[in-house]
Amino acid sequence: PAKYEAPMSAQLQELYGGVVHADTELSAQGLAAAPAPDPANLPDYPNHYYGMLLENAVVQSVLAAEQAGADAVVVNCFDDPGVRAARSVATVAVFGICEPALHIACQLGRTIGALVPDLPGQVGYVRQQIADHGLGDRLLPGGVRTEGKPFVESQPESDTHPEAMAERLR
């Protein structure tokens, strides 16, 4: 949503402003028409129809950013929704946060694992992401695990008390 764009843009500038060229503008932009999943219906989280709507919204957002003059677009979701589709139509660099994170993890060690939100189907989804990126042989046996607290509880808690989640992940 638009209410998050200014605070996220400021956070991007604070975190990365010192490592990009002085002429580089960092900004966050929400999806123009993001489909909203029903939090009360989390068993449908991996719903294919919702996924298709989300991917379309991401592709449209990437194309709008490209038309506005962006040189690159980062899709800020570990599921990397719409990244492959956007790459097929955009001329700017498009990447999510999952693929780079997995490859960096592989540079740091011989085997990798992932801690994921406790959402239905998320463990299988991330295992498949790892395989799709050609890294399945690097995954520890049982190497994708849930965070340990239901997402409907942990996500709101992370906004107000992030130390609790950090402690559970540790």
Protein backbone atom coordinates (compact mmCIF):
# COMPACT_ATOMS: atom_id res chain seq x y z
CA PRO A 1 0.00 0.00 0.00
CA ALA A 2 1.00 3.59 -0.64
CA LYS A 3 1.29 4.37 3.09
CA TYR A 4 4.41 2.19 3.26
CA GLU A 5 6.20 3.67 0.24
CA ALA A 6 7.73 6.74 1.92
CA PRO A 7 8.94 4.92 5.08
CA MET A 8 10.33 2.04 3.01
CA SER A 9 12.05 4.45 0.61
CA ALA A 10 13.66 6.22 3.57
CA GLN A 11 14.77 2.88 4.99
CA LEU A 12 16.29 1.87 1.63
CA GLN A 13 18.20 5.13 1.50
CA GLU A 14 19.44 4.67 5.07
CA LEU A 15 20.54 1.07 4.52
CA TYR A 16 21.98 1.26 1.02
CA GLY A 17 22.50 4.94 0.22
CA GLY A 18 26.14 4.76 1.24
CA VAL A 19 27.00 1.92 -1.15
CA VAL A 20 25.31 3.06 -4.34
CA HIS A 21 26.47 5.82 -6.69
CA ALA A 22 25.46 9.28 -5.49
CA ASP A 23 23.18 9.69 -8.53
CA THR A 24 21.28 6.49 -7.74
CA GLU A 25 17.76 6.98 -6.47
CA LEU A 26 16.38 4.25 -4.21
CA SER A 27 12.62 4.09 -3.81
CA ALA A 28 9.90 1.65 -2.81
CA GLN A 29 6.69 1.32 -4.73
CA GLY A 30 3.74 -0.86 -3.84
CA LEU A 31 1.71 -2.80 -6.33
CA ALA A 32 -1.00 -0.73 -7.98
CA ALA A 33 -3.61 -3.48 -7.66
CA ALA A 34 -2.24 -6.05 -5.26
CA PRO A 35 -4.65 -8.90 -4.64
CA ALA A 36 -5.23 -9.31 -0.93
CA PRO A 37 -5.26 -12.87 0.42
CA ASP A 38 -7.74 -13.48 3.20
CA PRO A 39 -5.66 -13.98 6.39
CA ALA A 40 -8.55 -15.99 7.85
CA ASN A 41 -8.12 -18.49 5.02
CA LEU A 42 -4.40 -19.28 5.26
CA PRO A 43 -4.83 -22.87 4.07
CA ASP A 44 -5.40 -21.28 0.65
CA TYR A 45 -2.09 -19.40 0.82
CA PRO A 46 -0.62 -21.34 -2.13
CA ASN A 47 -3.82 -20.70 -4.13
CA HIS A 48 -2.90 -20.74 -7.84
CA TYR A 49 -5.50 -18.12 -8.80
CA TYR A 50 -4.19 -15.69 -6.16
CA GLY A 51 -0.65 -16.43 -7.36
CA MET A 52 -1.58 -15.63 -10.95
CA LEU A 53 -3.19 -12.33 -9.91
CA LEU A 54 -0.14 -11.44 -7.81
CA GLU A 55 2.32 -12.29 -10.60
CA ASN A 56 0.34 -10.13 -13.04
CA ALA A 57 0.38 -7.22 -10.57
CA VAL A 58 4.16 -7.61 -10.13
CA VAL A 59 4.78 -7.67 -13.90
CA GLN A 60 2.61 -4.57 -14.38
CA SER A 61 4.51 -2.81 -11.57
CA VAL A 62 7.89 -3.74 -13.07
CA LEU A 63 6.81 -2.44 -16.48
CA ALA A 64 5.54 0.80 -14.91
CA ALA A 65 8.86 1.23 -13.06
CA GLU A 66 10.75 0.59 -16.29
CA GLN A 67 8.64 3.16 -18.13
CA ALA A 68 9.29 5.66 -15.31
CA GLY A 69 13.03 5.25 -15.85
CA ALA A 70 14.08 2.57 -13.36
CA ASP A 71 17.31 0.75 -14.18
CA ALA A 72 16.51 -2.23 -11.95
CA VAL A 73 13.62 -3.59 -9.89
CA VAL A 74 13.77 -5.71 -6.74
CA VAL A 75 10.65 -7.69 -5.90
CA ASN A 76 10.62 -7.54 -2.10
CA CYS A 77 9.10 -10.94 -1.35
CA PHE A 78 11.01 -14.15 -0.64
CA ASP A 79 8.61 -16.07 -2.89
CA ASP A 80 9.94 -14.01 -5.86
CA PRO A 81 6.42 -13.73 -7.35
CA GLY A 82 6.38 -12.59 -10.95
CA VAL A 83 10.16 -12.31 -11.23
CA ARG A 84 10.55 -14.83 -14.06
CA ALA A 85 7.53 -13.47 -15.92
CA ALA A 86 8.75 -9.88 -15.53
CA ARG A 87 12.20 -10.84 -16.81
CA SER A 88 10.57 -12.18 -19.96
CA VAL A 89 9.04 -8.81 -20.87
CA ALA A 90 11.13 -6.11 -19.15
CA THR A 91 14.45 -4.80 -20.42
CA VAL A 92 15.65 -3.67 -16.97
CA ALA A 93 17.24 -5.98 -14.41
CA VAL A 94 14.58 -7.72 -12.30
CA PHE A 95 15.30 -9.87 -9.29
CA GLY A 96 13.66 -11.02 -6.11
CA ILE A 97 15.24 -11.64 -2.75
CA CYS A 98 15.10 -15.44 -2.69
CA GLU A 99 17.42 -16.26 -5.58
CA PRO A 100 20.26 -13.93 -4.50
CA ALA A 101 19.90 -15.02 -0.85
CA LEU A 102 20.20 -18.69 -1.79
CA HIS A 103 23.25 -18.11 -3.96
CA ILE A 104 24.96 -16.04 -1.27
CA ALA A 105 24.23 -18.80 1.26
CA CYS A 106 25.90 -21.28 -1.11
CA GLN A 107 28.97 -19.05 -1.23
CA LEU A 108 29.17 -19.10 2.56
CA GLY A 109 28.89 -22.87 3.03
CA ARG A 110 28.67 -26.20 1.27
CA THR A 111 25.11 -26.90 2.40
CA ILE A 112 22.12 -24.65 2.97
CA GLY A 113 18.86 -24.61 4.88
CA ALA A 114 15.92 -22.23 5.19
CA LEU A 115 13.62 -21.12 7.97
CA VAL A 116 10.21 -20.19 6.58
CA PRO A 117 6.95 -18.77 7.93
CA ASP A 118 4.56 -21.32 9.38
CA LEU A 119 2.16 -21.17 6.44
CA PRO A 120 0.47 -24.13 4.77
CA GLY A 121 2.60 -25.44 1.92
CA GLN A 122 5.50 -23.06 2.56
CA VAL A 123 8.08 -25.78 3.29
CA GLY A 124 7.34 -27.53 0.01
CA TYR A 125 7.24 -24.24 -1.87
CA VAL A 126 10.70 -23.19 -0.65
CA ARG A 127 12.14 -26.65 -1.30
CA GLN A 128 10.88 -26.29 -4.88
CA GLN A 129 12.37 -22.78 -5.15
CA ILE A 130 15.73 -24.17 -4.08
CA ALA A 131 15.47 -26.95 -6.67
CA ASP A 132 14.31 -24.52 -9.38
CA HIS A 133 17.43 -22.42 -8.79
CA GLY A 134 19.60 -25.51 -9.33
CA LEU A 135 20.59 -25.78 -5.68
CA GLY A 136 18.68 -28.88 -4.57
CA ASP A 137 21.88 -30.87 -4.07
CA ARG A 138 23.11 -28.22 -1.61
CA LEU A 139 20.03 -28.50 0.65
CA LEU A 140 20.50 -30.22 4.00
CA PRO A 141 18.19 -33.21 4.62
CA GLY A 142 15.15 -31.68 6.32
CA GLY A 143 16.77 -28.32 5.64
CA VAL A 144 13.58 -26.32 5.18
CA ARG A 145 11.74 -25.80 8.46
CA THR A 146 8.98 -23.57 9.72
CA GLU A 147 9.60 -20.70 12.09
CA GLY A 148 7.69 -22.45 14.88
CA LYS A 149 4.87 -20.01 15.59
CA PRO A 150 1.78 -19.65 13.40
CA PHE A 151 2.24 -16.89 10.83
CA VAL A 152 -0.99 -15.15 11.86
CA GLU A 153 0.67 -14.62 15.27
CA SER A 154 4.33 -14.19 14.31
CA GLN A 155 3.86 -11.66 11.51
CA PRO A 156 2.05 -9.00 13.61
CA GLU A 157 4.45 -9.71 16.48
CA SER A 158 7.45 -9.08 14.22
CA ASP A 159 6.23 -5.52 13.61
CA THR A 160 6.15 -4.65 17.31
CA HIS A 161 8.53 -7.12 18.96
CA PRO A 162 11.06 -8.41 16.38
CA GLU A 163 13.41 -9.69 19.10
CA ALA A 164 10.96 -12.52 19.89
CA MET A 165 11.12 -13.85 16.34
CA ALA A 166 14.89 -13.43 16.22
CA GLU A 167 15.19 -15.48 19.43
CA ARG A 168 12.97 -18.27 18.05
CA LEU A 169 15.01 -18.38 14.84
CA ARG A 170 18.25 -18.50 16.80
